[in-house]
Amino acid sequence: NLKGRSFLTLLDFTSDEIRYLLDVARQVKVEKRAGTPTVRFAGKTLAIVFEKRSTRTRTAFETSFGEEGGHAVFLSKDDIHLGVKEDLKDTARVLGRMFDAIAFRGFKQETVDVLAQWSGVPVY
């Protein structure tokens, strides 16, 4: 069961788990093309935290999470002063209290590891 697990590195997953994730991704694409409504993330919130910009990654997370019934909130490094004015551990704890998961795009593996360790919610 992958529920509640962070996705920090491929090394954290078995080959069977990776195959399962790819199968789920294929199924989601099939449902989308068929126009089958799904609400896998109804009532869930996702913090999208970016240190570096990306049009495709941001729009993919926001669009797909919303289409599945969830609510995504984008936070750039300038919005939350990630690790600058506020301690990264404190930021992780706050995000963990307010969101069901965190999607992170940044420069250092250490940052995503701290978010996962201190937030208490899955980090991707």
PDB file of N, CA and C in Angstrom:
ATOM      1  N   ASN A   1       0.845  -1.183   0.000  1.00  0.00           N
ATOM      2  CA  ASN A   1       0.000   0.000   0.000  1.00  0.00           C
ATOM      3  C   ASN A   1       0.888   1.243   0.000  1.00  0.00           C
ATOM      4  N   LEU A   2       0.660   2.123  -0.933  1.00  0.00           N
ATOM      5  CA  LEU A   2       1.474   3.325  -1.062  1.00  0.00           C
ATOM      6  C   LEU A   2       0.845   4.540  -0.397  1.00  0.00           C
ATOM      7  N   LYS A   3      -0.358   4.398   0.134  1.00  0.00           N
ATOM      8  CA  LYS A   3      -1.063   5.521   0.748  1.00  0.00           C
ATOM      9  C   LYS A   3      -0.242   6.094   1.901  1.00  0.00           C
ATOM     10  N   GLY A   4      -0.077   7.416   1.875  1.00  0.00           N
ATOM     11  CA  GLY A   4       0.624   8.095   2.944  1.00  0.00           C
ATOM     12  C   GLY A   4       2.135   8.125   2.819  1.00  0.00           C
ATOM     13  N   ARG A   5       2.681   7.521   1.774  1.00  0.00           N
ATOM     14  CA  ARG A   5       4.140   7.490   1.597  1.00  0.00           C
ATOM     15  C   ARG A   5       4.623   8.656   0.747  1.00  0.00           C
ATOM     16  N   SER A   6       5.754   9.185   1.120  1.00  0.00           N
ATOM     17  CA  SER A   6       6.391  10.225   0.317  1.00  0.00           C
ATOM     18  C   SER A   6       7.109   9.587  -0.866  1.00  0.00           C
ATOM     19  N   PHE A   7       7.295  10.375  -1.916  1.00  0.00           N
ATOM     20  CA  PHE A   7       8.064   9.935  -3.076  1.00  0.00           C
ATOM     21  C   PHE A   7       9.298  10.828  -3.146  1.00  0.00           C
ATOM     22  N   LEU A   8      10.354  10.392  -2.473  1.00  0.00           N
ATOM     23  CA  LEU A   8      11.575  11.190  -2.389  1.00  0.00           C
ATOM     24  C   LEU A   8      12.621  10.745  -3.400  1.00  0.00           C
ATOM     25  N   THR A   9      12.681   9.442  -3.646  1.00  0.00           N
ATOM     26  CA  THR A   9      13.625   8.882  -4.608  1.00  0.00           C
ATOM     27  C   THR A   9      13.092   7.535  -5.085  1.00  0.00           C
ATOM     28  N   LEU A  10      13.415   7.160  -6.290  1.00  0.00           N
ATOM     29  CA  LEU A  10      12.981   5.862  -6.812  1.00  0.00           C
ATOM     30  C   LEU A  10      13.514   4.709  -5.970  1.00  0.00           C
ATOM     31  N   LEU A  11      14.630   4.930  -5.309  1.00  0.00           N
ATOM     32  CA  LEU A  11      15.239   3.871  -4.498  1.00  0.00           C
ATOM     33  C   LEU A  11      14.378   3.479  -3.297  1.00  0.00           C
ATOM     34  N   ASP A  12      13.388   4.307  -2.958  1.00  0.00           N
ATOM     35  CA  ASP A  12      12.487   4.005  -1.843  1.00  0.00           C
ATOM     36  C   ASP A  12      11.396   3.003  -2.224  1.00  0.00           C
ATOM     37  N   PHE A  13      11.328   2.639  -3.500  1.00  0.00           N
ATOM     38  CA  PHE A  13      10.251   1.787  -3.994  1.00  0.00           C
ATOM     39  C   PHE A  13      10.798   0.508  -4.615  1.00  0.00           C
ATOM     40  N   THR A  14      10.021  -0.550  -4.470  1.00  0.00           N
ATOM     41  CA  THR A  14      10.383  -1.806  -5.117  1.00  0.00           C
ATOM     42  C   THR A  14      10.001  -1.716  -6.596  1.00  0.00           C
ATOM     43  N   SER A  15      10.501  -2.633  -7.385  1.00  0.00           N
ATOM     44  CA  SER A  15      10.143  -2.639  -8.805  1.00  0.00           C
ATOM     45  C   SER A  15       8.645  -2.892  -8.981  1.00  0.00           C
ATOM     46  N   ASP A  16       8.045  -3.714  -8.120  1.00  0.00           N
ATOM     47  CA  ASP A  16       6.599  -3.952  -8.190  1.00  0.00           C
ATOM     48  C   ASP A  16       5.815  -2.676  -7.876  1.00  0.00           C
ATOM     49  N   GLU A  17       6.279  -1.903  -6.910  1.00  0.00           N
ATOM     50  CA  GLU A  17       5.593  -0.652  -6.567  1.00  0.00           C
ATOM     51  C   GLU A  17       5.701   0.361  -7.699  1.00  0.00           C
ATOM     52  N   ILE A  18       6.837   0.411  -8.349  1.00  0.00           N
ATOM     53  CA  ILE A  18       7.008   1.323  -9.482  1.00  0.00           C
ATOM     54  C   ILE A  18       6.102   0.905 -10.634  1.00  0.00           C
ATOM     55  N   ARG A  19       6.032  -0.396 -10.907  1.00  0.00           N
ATOM     56  CA  ARG A  19       5.112  -0.891 -11.947  1.00  0.00           C
ATOM     57  C   ARG A  19       3.667  -0.527 -11.599  1.00  0.00           C
ATOM     58  N   TYR A  20       3.303  -0.680 -10.327  1.00  0.00           N
ATOM     59  CA  TYR A  20       1.951  -0.336  -9.882  1.00  0.00           C
ATOM     60  C   TYR A  20       1.668   1.151 -10.136  1.00  0.00           C
ATOM     61  N   LEU A  21       2.609   2.025  -9.789  1.00  0.00           N
ATOM     62  CA  LEU A  21       2.430   3.460 -10.025  1.00  0.00           C
ATOM     63  C   LEU A  21       2.236   3.759 -11.509  1.00  0.00           C
ATOM     64  N   LEU A  22       3.004   3.101 -12.354  1.00  0.00           N
ATOM     65  CA  LEU A  22       2.863   3.295 -13.798  1.00  0.00           C
ATOM     66  C   LEU A  22       1.518   2.775 -14.301  1.00  0.00           C
ATOM     67  N   ASP A  23       1.048   1.667 -13.747  1.00  0.00           N
ATOM     68  CA  ASP A  23      -0.269   1.130 -14.114  1.00  0.00           C
ATOM     69  C   ASP A  23      -1.379   2.101 -13.719  1.00  0.00           C
ATOM     70  N   VAL A  24      -1.274   2.674 -12.535  1.00  0.00           N
ATOM     71  CA  VAL A  24      -2.270   3.654 -12.081  1.00  0.00           C
ATOM     72  C   VAL A  24      -2.249   4.872 -13.002  1.00  0.00           C
ATOM     73  N   ALA A  25      -1.064   5.332 -13.375  1.00  0.00           N
ATOM     74  CA  ALA A  25      -0.949   6.483 -14.278  1.00  0.00           C
ATOM     75  C   ALA A  25      -1.621   6.196 -15.618  1.00  0.00           C
ATOM     76  N   ARG A  26      -1.404   4.993 -16.146  1.00  0.00           N
ATOM     77  CA  ARG A  26      -2.061   4.608 -17.402  1.00  0.00           C
ATOM     78  C   ARG A  26      -3.582   4.603 -17.243  1.00  0.00           C
ATOM     79  N   GLN A  27      -4.061   4.071 -16.137  1.00  0.00           N
ATOM     80  CA  GLN A  27      -5.503   4.012 -15.886  1.00  0.00           C
ATOM     81  C   GLN A  27      -6.106   5.419 -15.800  1.00  0.00           C
ATOM     82  N   VAL A  28      -5.414   6.319 -15.146  1.00  0.00           N
ATOM     83  CA  VAL A  28      -5.887   7.702 -15.034  1.00  0.00           C
ATOM     84  C   VAL A  28      -5.981   8.336 -16.419  1.00  0.00           C
ATOM     85  N   LYS A  29      -4.993   8.091 -17.275  1.00  0.00           N
ATOM     86  CA  LYS A  29      -5.027   8.624 -18.640  1.00  0.00           C
ATOM     87  C   LYS A  29      -6.198   8.055 -19.429  1.00  0.00           C
ATOM     88  N   VAL A  30      -6.447   6.763 -19.278  1.00  0.00           N
ATOM     89  CA  VAL A  30      -7.575   6.121 -19.970  1.00  0.00           C
ATOM     90  C   VAL A  30      -8.886   6.760 -19.516  1.00  0.00           C
ATOM     91  N   GLU A  31      -9.052   6.935 -18.211  1.00  0.00           N
ATOM     92  CA  GLU A  31     -10.274   7.545 -17.678  1.00  0.00           C
ATOM     93  C   GLU A  31     -10.435   8.972 -18.183  1.00  0.00           C
ATOM     94  N   LYS A  32      -9.350   9.718 -18.234  1.00  0.00           N
ATOM     95  CA  LYS A  32      -9.396  11.108 -18.703  1.00  0.00           C
ATOM     96  C   LYS A  32      -9.830  11.158 -20.166  1.00  0.00           C
ATOM     97  N   ARG A  33      -9.218  10.315 -21.000  1.00  0.00           N
ATOM     98  CA  ARG A  33      -9.574  10.296 -22.430  1.00  0.00           C
ATOM     99  C   ARG A  33     -11.026   9.878 -22.651  1.00  0.00           C
ATOM    100  N   ALA A  34     -11.525   8.984 -21.802  1.00  0.00           N
ATOM    101  CA  ALA A  34     -12.899   8.495 -21.934  1.00  0.00           C
ATOM    102  C   ALA A  34     -13.917   9.466 -21.338  1.00  0.00           C
ATOM    103  N   GLY A  35     -13.420  10.492 -20.648  1.00  0.00           N
ATOM    104  CA  GLY A  35     -14.331  11.446 -20.014  1.00  0.00           C
ATOM    105  C   GLY A  35     -14.974  10.908 -18.754  1.00  0.00           C
ATOM    106  N   THR A  36     -14.377   9.893 -18.167  1.00  0.00           N
ATOM    107  CA  THR A  36     -14.904   9.298 -16.942  1.00  0.00           C
ATOM    108  C   THR A  36     -14.580  10.204 -15.756  1.00  0.00           C
ATOM    109  N   PRO A  37     -15.606  10.743 -15.085  1.00  0.00           N
ATOM    110  CA  PRO A  37     -15.326  11.620 -13.944  1.00  0.00           C
ATOM    111  C   PRO A  37     -14.795  10.829 -12.741  1.00  0.00           C
ATOM    112  N   THR A  38     -13.747  11.340 -12.130  1.00  0.00           N
ATOM    113  CA  THR A  38     -13.191  10.730 -10.926  1.00  0.00           C
ATOM    114  C   THR A  38     -12.884  11.830  -9.923  1.00  0.00           C
ATOM    115  N   VAL A  39     -12.966  11.489  -8.665  1.00  0.00           N
ATOM    116  CA  VAL A  39     -12.688  12.472  -7.609  1.00  0.00           C
ATOM    117  C   VAL A  39     -11.809  11.837  -6.534  1.00  0.00           C
ATOM    118  N   ARG A  40     -10.687  11.322  -6.958  1.00  0.00           N
ATOM    119  CA  ARG A  40      -9.765  10.655  -6.030  1.00  0.00           C
ATOM    120  C   ARG A  40      -9.306  11.563  -4.900  1.00  0.00           C
ATOM    121  N   PHE A  41      -9.257  12.870  -5.151  1.00  0.00           N
ATOM    122  CA  PHE A  41      -8.720  13.794  -4.161  1.00  0.00           C
ATOM    123  C   PHE A  41      -9.777  14.736  -3.593  1.00  0.00           C
ATOM    124  N   ALA A  42     -11.040  14.325  -3.642  1.00  0.00           N
ATOM    125  CA  ALA A  42     -12.113  15.163  -3.104  1.00  0.00           C
ATOM    126  C   ALA A  42     -11.842  15.472  -1.634  1.00  0.00           C
ATOM    127  N   GLY A  43     -11.942  16.749  -1.291  1.00  0.00           N
ATOM    128  CA  GLY A  43     -11.735  17.174   0.084  1.00  0.00           C
ATOM    129  C   GLY A  43     -10.280  17.253   0.506  1.00  0.00           C
ATOM    130  N   LYS A  44      -9.347  17.052  -0.422  1.00  0.00           N
ATOM    131  CA  LYS A  44      -7.914  17.074  -0.105  1.00  0.00           C
ATOM    132  C   LYS A  44      -7.279  18.372  -0.610  1.00  0.00           C
ATOM    133  N   THR A  45      -6.221  18.794   0.082  1.00  0.00           N
ATOM    134  CA  THR A  45      -5.488  19.986  -0.325  1.00  0.00           C
ATOM    135  C   THR A  45      -4.028  19.629  -0.570  1.00  0.00           C
ATOM    136  N   LEU A  46      -3.444  20.277  -1.564  1.00  0.00           N
ATOM    137  CA  LEU A  46      -2.057  20.038  -1.954  1.00  0.00           C
ATOM    138  C   LEU A  46      -1.304  21.359  -1.973  1.00  0.00           C
ATOM    139  N   ALA A  47      -0.199  21.438  -1.233  1.00  0.00           N
ATOM    140  CA  ALA A  47       0.696  22.593  -1.316  1.00  0.00           C
ATOM    141  C   ALA A  47       1.703  22.308  -2.422  1.00  0.00           C
ATOM    142  N   ILE A  48       1.770  23.189  -3.395  1.00  0.00           N
ATOM    143  CA  ILE A  48       2.749  23.069  -4.468  1.00  0.00           C
ATOM    144  C   ILE A  48       3.832  24.107  -4.179  1.00  0.00           C
ATOM    145  N   VAL A  49       4.984  23.640  -3.723  1.00  0.00           N
ATOM    146  CA  VAL A  49       6.066  24.521  -3.273  1.00  0.00           C
ATOM    147  C   VAL A  49       7.218  24.444  -4.272  1.00  0.00           C
ATOM    148  N   PHE A  50       7.532  25.583  -4.878  1.00  0.00           N
ATOM    149  CA  PHE A  50       8.587  25.627  -5.894  1.00  0.00           C
ATOM    150  C   PHE A  50       9.702  26.579  -5.496  1.00  0.00           C
ATOM    151  N   GLU A  51      10.936  26.079  -5.531  1.00  0.00           N
ATOM    152  CA  GLU A  51      12.117  26.934  -5.438  1.00  0.00           C
ATOM    153  C   GLU A  51      12.528  27.386  -6.831  1.00  0.00           C
ATOM    154  N   LYS A  52      12.284  26.533  -7.821  1.00  0.00           N
ATOM    155  CA  LYS A  52      12.611  26.895  -9.200  1.00  0.00           C
ATOM    156  C   LYS A  52      11.358  26.749 -10.057  1.00  0.00           C
ATOM    157  N   ARG A  53      11.230  27.642 -11.006  1.00  0.00           N
ATOM    158  CA  ARG A  53      10.019  27.715 -11.828  1.00  0.00           C
ATOM    159  C   ARG A  53       9.934  26.586 -12.847  1.00  0.00           C
ATOM    160  N   SER A  54       8.685  26.219 -13.168  1.00  0.00           N
ATOM    161  CA  SER A  54       8.447  25.244 -14.222  1.00  0.00           C
ATOM    162  C   SER A  54       6.994  25.330 -14.659  1.00  0.00           C
ATOM    163  N   THR A  55       6.795  25.714 -15.889  1.00  0.00           N
ATOM    164  CA  THR A  55       5.435  25.821 -16.418  1.00  0.00           C
ATOM    165  C   THR A  55       4.750  24.460 -16.447  1.00  0.00           C
ATOM    166  N   ARG A  56       5.412  23.460 -17.018  1.00  0.00           N
ATOM    167  CA  ARG A  56       4.784  22.143 -17.174  1.00  0.00           C
ATOM    168  C   ARG A  56       4.496  21.479 -15.833  1.00  0.00           C
ATOM    169  N   THR A  57       5.458  21.515 -14.925  1.00  0.00           N
ATOM    170  CA  THR A  57       5.255  20.843 -13.638  1.00  0.00           C
ATOM    171  C   THR A  57       4.138  21.510 -12.849  1.00  0.00           C
ATOM    172  N   ARG A  58       4.155  22.831 -12.797  1.00  0.00           N
ATOM    173  CA  ARG A  58       3.118  23.542 -12.044  1.00  0.00           C
ATOM    174  C   ARG A  58       1.733  23.284 -12.628  1.00  0.00           C
ATOM    175  N   THR A  59       1.589  23.458 -13.938  1.00  0.00           N
ATOM    176  CA  THR A  59       0.264  23.276 -14.534  1.00  0.00           C
ATOM    177  C   THR A  59      -0.192  21.826 -14.442  1.00  0.00           C
ATOM    178  N   ALA A  60       0.731  20.880 -14.541  1.00  0.00           N
ATOM    179  CA  ALA A  60       0.354  19.466 -14.419  1.00  0.00           C
ATOM    180  C   ALA A  60      -0.202  19.168 -13.033  1.00  0.00           C
ATOM    181  N   PHE A  61       0.478  19.627 -11.992  1.00  0.00           N
ATOM    182  CA  PHE A  61      -0.009  19.385 -10.630  1.00  0.00           C
ATOM    183  C   PHE A  61      -1.337  20.092 -10.382  1.00  0.00           C
ATOM    184  N   GLU A  62      -1.410  21.382 -10.722  1.00  0.00           N
ATOM    185  CA  GLU A  62      -2.631  22.139 -10.448  1.00  0.00           C
ATOM    186  C   GLU A  62      -3.827  21.576 -11.206  1.00  0.00           C
ATOM    187  N   THR A  63      -3.642  21.311 -12.484  1.00  0.00           N
ATOM    188  CA  THR A  63      -4.745  20.824 -13.306  1.00  0.00           C
ATOM    189  C   THR A  63      -5.190  19.428 -12.892  1.00  0.00           C
ATOM    190  N   SER A  64      -4.249  18.517 -12.766  1.00  0.00           N
ATOM    191  CA  SER A  64      -4.627  17.134 -12.454  1.00  0.00           C
ATOM    192  C   SER A  64      -5.236  17.012 -11.063  1.00  0.00           C
ATOM    193  N   PHE A  65      -4.696  17.726 -10.090  1.00  0.00           N
ATOM    194  CA  PHE A  65      -5.244  17.640  -8.736  1.00  0.00           C
ATOM    195  C   PHE A  65      -6.661  18.215  -8.703  1.00  0.00           C
ATOM    196  N   GLY A  66      -6.867  19.326  -9.396  1.00  0.00           N
ATOM    197  CA  GLY A  66      -8.202  19.922  -9.461  1.00  0.00           C
ATOM    198  C   GLY A  66      -9.200  19.047 -10.196  1.00  0.00           C
ATOM    199  N   GLU A  67      -8.772  18.437 -11.292  1.00  0.00           N
ATOM    200  CA  GLU A  67      -9.664  17.554 -12.045  1.00  0.00           C
ATOM    201  C   GLU A  67     -10.086  16.339 -11.230  1.00  0.00           C
ATOM    202  N   GLU A  68      -9.285  15.974 -10.252  1.00  0.00           N
ATOM    203  CA  GLU A  68      -9.605  14.826  -9.395  1.00  0.00           C
ATOM    204  C   GLU A  68     -10.322  15.254  -8.117  1.00  0.00           C
ATOM    205  N   GLY A  69     -10.794  16.505  -8.068  1.00  0.00           N
ATOM    206  CA  GLY A  69     -11.610  16.960  -6.951  1.00  0.00           C
ATOM    207  C   GLY A  69     -10.866  17.639  -5.819  1.00  0.00           C
ATOM    208  N   GLY A  70      -9.549  17.778  -5.934  1.00  0.00           N
ATOM    209  CA  GLY A  70      -8.766  18.402  -4.867  1.00  0.00           C
ATOM    210  C   GLY A  70      -8.555  19.885  -5.098  1.00  0.00           C
ATOM    211  N   HIS A  71      -7.958  20.527  -4.100  1.00  0.00           N
ATOM    212  CA  HIS A  71      -7.646  21.955  -4.187  1.00  0.00           C
ATOM    213  C   HIS A  71      -6.144  22.138  -3.989  1.00  0.00           C
ATOM    214  N   ALA A  72      -5.485  22.712  -4.992  1.00  0.00           N
ATOM    215  CA  ALA A  72      -4.039  22.932  -4.935  1.00  0.00           C
ATOM    216  C   ALA A  72      -3.748  24.407  -4.697  1.00  0.00           C
ATOM    217  N   VAL A  73      -2.726  24.668  -3.881  1.00  0.00           N
ATOM    218  CA  VAL A  73      -2.284  26.034  -3.607  1.00  0.00           C
ATOM    219  C   VAL A  73      -0.810  26.136  -3.987  1.00  0.00           C
ATOM    220  N   PHE A  74      -0.503  27.056  -4.903  1.00  0.00           N
ATOM    221  CA  PHE A  74       0.881  27.245  -5.341  1.00  0.00           C
ATOM    222  C   PHE A  74       1.588  28.234  -4.425  1.00  0.00           C
ATOM    223  N   LEU A  75       2.793  27.861  -3.978  1.00  0.00           N
ATOM    224  CA  LEU A  75       3.612  28.722  -3.129  1.00  0.00           C
ATOM    225  C   LEU A  75       5.027  28.754  -3.694  1.00  0.00           C
ATOM    226  N   SER A  76       5.449  29.914  -4.178  1.00  0.00           N
ATOM    227  CA  SER A  76       6.824  30.029  -4.669  1.00  0.00           C
ATOM    228  C   SER A  76       7.752  30.299  -3.494  1.00  0.00           C
ATOM    229  N   LYS A  77       9.043  30.187  -3.726  1.00  0.00           N
ATOM    230  CA  LYS A  77      10.016  30.445  -2.660  1.00  0.00           C
ATOM    231  C   LYS A  77       9.883  31.872  -2.145  1.00  0.00           C
ATOM    232  N   ASP A  78       9.458  32.800  -2.998  1.00  0.00           N
ATOM    233  CA  ASP A  78       9.282  34.187  -2.578  1.00  0.00           C
ATOM    234  C   ASP A  78       8.028  34.373  -1.731  1.00  0.00           C
ATOM    235  N   ASP A  79       7.027  33.536  -1.938  1.00  0.00           N
ATOM    236  CA  ASP A  79       5.797  33.624  -1.148  1.00  0.00           C
ATOM    237  C   ASP A  79       6.027  33.231   0.302  1.00  0.00           C
ATOM    238  N   ILE A  80       6.867  32.228   0.519  1.00  0.00           N
ATOM    239  CA  ILE A  80       7.023  31.703   1.879  1.00  0.00           C
ATOM    240  C   ILE A  80       8.446  31.826   2.418  1.00  0.00           C
ATOM    241  N   HIS A  81       9.346  32.435   1.672  1.00  0.00           N
ATOM    242  CA  HIS A  81      10.745  32.619   2.111  1.00  0.00           C
ATOM    243  C   HIS A  81      11.324  31.313   2.629  1.00  0.00           C
ATOM    244  N   LEU A  82      11.227  30.300   1.819  1.00  0.00           N
ATOM    245  CA  LEU A  82      11.614  28.937   2.177  1.00  0.00           C
ATOM    246  C   LEU A  82      13.042  28.872   2.715  1.00  0.00           C
ATOM    247  N   GLY A  83      13.149  28.603   4.013  1.00  0.00           N
ATOM    248  CA  GLY A  83      14.449  28.454   4.652  1.00  0.00           C
ATOM    249  C   GLY A  83      15.226  29.742   4.826  1.00  0.00           C
ATOM    250  N   VAL A  84      14.602  30.902   4.560  1.00  0.00           N
ATOM    251  CA  VAL A  84      15.304  32.177   4.691  1.00  0.00           C
ATOM    252  C   VAL A  84      14.847  32.893   5.951  1.00  0.00           C
ATOM    253  N   LYS A  85      13.632  33.439   5.922  1.00  0.00           N
ATOM    254  CA  LYS A  85      13.115  34.147   7.094  1.00  0.00           C
ATOM    255  C   LYS A  85      12.519  33.185   8.117  1.00  0.00           C
ATOM    256  N   GLU A  86      12.070  32.054   7.648  1.00  0.00           N
ATOM    257  CA  GLU A  86      11.488  31.048   8.534  1.00  0.00           C
ATOM    258  C   GLU A  86      12.307  29.768   8.421  1.00  0.00           C
ATOM    259  N   ASP A  87      12.492  29.115   9.548  1.00  0.00           N
ATOM    260  CA  ASP A  87      13.213  27.848   9.584  1.00  0.00           C
ATOM    261  C   ASP A  87      12.477  26.821   8.724  1.00  0.00           C
ATOM    262  N   LEU A  88      13.204  26.040   7.956  1.00  0.00           N
ATOM    263  CA  LEU A  88      12.599  25.053   7.062  1.00  0.00           C
ATOM    264  C   LEU A  88      11.757  24.037   7.828  1.00  0.00           C
ATOM    265  N   LYS A  89      12.212  23.617   8.994  1.00  0.00           N
ATOM    266  CA  LYS A  89      11.446  22.663   9.805  1.00  0.00           C
ATOM    267  C   LYS A  89      10.115  23.266  10.239  1.00  0.00           C
ATOM    268  N   ASP A  90      10.130  24.545  10.637  1.00  0.00           N
ATOM    269  CA  ASP A  90       8.885  25.216  11.028  1.00  0.00           C
ATOM    270  C   ASP A  90       7.934  25.331   9.849  1.00  0.00           C
ATOM    271  N   THR A  91       8.477  25.680   8.687  1.00  0.00           N
ATOM    272  CA  THR A  91       7.649  25.763   7.481  1.00  0.00           C
ATOM    273  C   THR A  91       7.026  24.406   7.170  1.00  0.00           C
ATOM    274  N   ALA A  92       7.801  23.351   7.283  1.00  0.00           N
ATOM    275  CA  ALA A  92       7.292  21.999   7.028  1.00  0.00           C
ATOM    276  C   ALA A  92       6.147  21.668   7.983  1.00  0.00           C
ATOM    277  N   ARG A  93       6.316  21.984   9.259  1.00  0.00           N
ATOM    278  CA  ARG A  93       5.261  21.690  10.244  1.00  0.00           C
ATOM    279  C   ARG A  93       3.981  22.459   9.938  1.00  0.00           C
ATOM    280  N   VAL A  94       4.115  23.732   9.570  1.00  0.00           N
ATOM    281  CA  VAL A  94       2.943  24.547   9.233  1.00  0.00           C
ATOM    282  C   VAL A  94       2.238  23.978   8.007  1.00  0.00           C
ATOM    283  N   LEU A  95       3.000  23.666   6.969  1.00  0.00           N
ATOM    284  CA  LEU A  95       2.396  23.099   5.760  1.00  0.00           C
ATOM    285  C   LEU A  95       1.711  21.771   6.068  1.00  0.00           C
ATOM    286  N   GLY A  96       2.317  20.972   6.918  1.00  0.00           N
ATOM    287  CA  GLY A  96       1.732  19.686   7.288  1.00  0.00           C
ATOM    288  C   GLY A  96       0.415  19.814   8.031  1.00  0.00           C
ATOM    289  N   ARG A  97       0.253  20.906   8.774  1.00  0.00           N
ATOM    290  CA  ARG A  97      -1.016  21.130   9.486  1.00  0.00           C
ATOM    291  C   ARG A  97      -2.112  21.626   8.554  1.00  0.00           C
ATOM    292  N   MET A  98      -1.724  22.287   7.476  1.00  0.00           N
ATOM    293  CA  MET A  98      -2.717  22.923   6.610  1.00  0.00           C
ATOM    294  C   MET A  98      -3.021  22.164   5.325  1.00  0.00           C
ATOM    295  N   PHE A  99      -2.147  21.228   4.960  1.00  0.00           N
ATOM    296  CA  PHE A  99      -2.313  20.517   3.694  1.00  0.00           C
ATOM    297  C   PHE A  99      -2.248  19.011   3.905  1.00  0.00           C
ATOM    298  N   ASP A 100      -2.839  18.283   2.971  1.00  0.00           N
ATOM    299  CA  ASP A 100      -2.818  16.819   3.018  1.00  0.00           C
ATOM    300  C   ASP A 100      -1.565  16.242   2.373  1.00  0.00           C
ATOM    301  N   ALA A 101      -0.893  17.026   1.537  1.00  0.00           N
ATOM    302  CA  ALA A 101       0.330  16.579   0.865  1.00  0.00           C
ATOM    303  C   ALA A 101       1.080  17.801   0.353  1.00  0.00           C
ATOM    304  N   ILE A 102       2.360  17.588   0.040  1.00  0.00           N
ATOM    305  CA  ILE A 102       3.205  18.662  -0.482  1.00  0.00           C
ATOM    306  C   ILE A 102       3.890  18.165  -1.753  1.00  0.00           C
ATOM    307  N   ALA A 103       3.767  18.947  -2.823  1.00  0.00           N
ATOM    308  CA  ALA A 103       4.521  18.691  -4.048  1.00  0.00           C
ATOM    309  C   ALA A 103       5.648  19.717  -4.073  1.00  0.00           C
ATOM    310  N   PHE A 104       6.882  19.256  -4.178  1.00  0.00           N
ATOM    311  CA  PHE A 104       8.038  20.153  -4.080  1.00  0.00           C
ATOM    312  C   PHE A 104       8.916  20.059  -5.318  1.00  0.00           C
ATOM    313  N   ARG A 105       9.361  21.220  -5.781  1.00  0.00           N
ATOM    314  CA  ARG A 105      10.339  21.290  -6.882  1.00  0.00           C
ATOM    315  C   ARG A 105      11.429  22.249  -6.430  1.00  0.00           C
ATOM    316  N   GLY A 106      12.627  21.712  -6.244  1.00  0.00           N
ATOM    317  CA  GLY A 106      13.694  22.557  -5.729  1.00  0.00           C
ATOM    318  C   GLY A 106      15.059  22.131  -6.203  1.00  0.00           C
ATOM    319  N   PHE A 107      16.057  22.638  -5.519  1.00  0.00           N
ATOM    320  CA  PHE A 107      17.439  22.424  -5.921  1.00  0.00           C
ATOM    321  C   PHE A 107      18.132  21.304  -5.152  1.00  0.00           C
ATOM    322  N   LYS A 108      17.793  21.126  -3.874  1.00  0.00           N
ATOM    323  CA  LYS A 108      18.533  20.185  -3.037  1.00  0.00           C
ATOM    324  C   LYS A 108      17.652  19.042  -2.537  1.00  0.00           C
ATOM    325  N   GLN A 109      18.178  17.847  -2.582  1.00  0.00           N
ATOM    326  CA  GLN A 109      17.488  16.690  -2.015  1.00  0.00           C
ATOM    327  C   GLN A 109      17.278  16.889  -0.514  1.00  0.00           C
ATOM    328  N   GLU A 110      18.227  17.539   0.125  1.00  0.00           N
ATOM    329  CA  GLU A 110      18.139  17.792   1.569  1.00  0.00           C
ATOM    330  C   GLU A 110      16.858  18.552   1.931  1.00  0.00           C
ATOM    331  N   THR A 111      16.455  19.502   1.102  1.00  0.00           N
ATOM    332  CA  THR A 111      15.253  20.290   1.373  1.00  0.00           C
ATOM    333  C   THR A 111      14.009  19.418   1.335  1.00  0.00           C
ATOM    334  N   VAL A 112      13.877  18.598   0.323  1.00  0.00           N
ATOM    335  CA  VAL A 112      12.701  17.729   0.226  1.00  0.00           C
ATOM    336  C   VAL A 112      12.703  16.699   1.356  1.00  0.00           C
ATOM    337  N   ASP A 113      13.877  16.244   1.756  1.00  0.00           N
ATOM    338  CA  ASP A 113      13.968  15.301   2.874  1.00  0.00           C
ATOM    339  C   ASP A 113      13.502  15.941   4.181  1.00  0.00           C
ATOM    340  N   VAL A 114      13.878  17.195   4.420  1.00  0.00           N
ATOM    341  CA  VAL A 114      13.441  17.908   5.631  1.00  0.00           C
ATOM    342  C   VAL A 114      11.929  18.119   5.600  1.00  0.00           C
ATOM    343  N   LEU A 115      11.393  18.502   4.457  1.00  0.00           N
ATOM    344  CA  LEU A 115       9.936  18.665   4.340  1.00  0.00           C
ATOM    345  C   LEU A 115       9.222  17.361   4.685  1.00  0.00           C
ATOM    346  N   ALA A 116       9.724  16.262   4.178  1.00  0.00           N
ATOM    347  CA  ALA A 116       9.097  14.960   4.438  1.00  0.00           C
ATOM    348  C   ALA A 116       9.225  14.565   5.905  1.00  0.00           C
ATOM    349  N   GLN A 117      10.368  14.828   6.494  1.00  0.00           N
ATOM    350  CA  GLN A 117      10.604  14.430   7.883  1.00  0.00           C
ATOM    351  C   GLN A 117       9.759  15.230   8.868  1.00  0.00           C
ATOM    352  N   TRP A 118       9.572  16.521   8.616  1.00  0.00           N
ATOM    353  CA  TRP A 118       8.945  17.391   9.604  1.00  0.00           C
ATOM    354  C   TRP A 118       7.493  17.766   9.314  1.00  0.00           C
ATOM    355  N   SER A 119       6.994  17.513   8.117  1.00  0.00           N
ATOM    356  CA  SER A 119       5.621  17.930   7.797  1.00  0.00           C
ATOM    357  C   SER A 119       4.565  16.965   8.310  1.00  0.00           C
ATOM    358  N   GLY A 120       4.889  15.686   8.339  1.00  0.00           N
ATOM    359  CA  GLY A 120       3.902  14.696   8.761  1.00  0.00           C
ATOM    360  C   GLY A 120       2.913  14.311   7.673  1.00  0.00           C
ATOM    361  N   VAL A 121       3.130  14.808   6.452  1.00  0.00           N
ATOM    362  CA  VAL A 121       2.271  14.459   5.313  1.00  0.00           C
ATOM    363  C   VAL A 121       3.166  13.973   4.174  1.00  0.00           C
ATOM    364  N   PRO A 122       2.595  13.267   3.204  1.00  0.00           N
ATOM    365  CA  PRO A 122       3.405  12.818   2.066  1.00  0.00           C
ATOM    366  C   PRO A 122       3.983  13.999   1.282  1.00  0.00           C
ATOM    367  N   VAL A 123       5.210  13.827   0.829  1.00  0.00           N
ATOM    368  CA  VAL A 123       5.889  14.839   0.020  1.00  0.00           C
ATOM    369  C   VAL A 123       6.310  14.178  -1.287  1.00  0.00           C
ATOM    370  N   TYR A 124       6.073  14.889  -2.390  1.00  0.00           N
ATOM    371  CA  TYR A 124       6.392  14.362  -3.716  1.00  0.00           C
ATOM    372  C   TYR A 124       7.329  15.312  -4.424  1.00  0.00           C
TER     373      TYR A 124
END
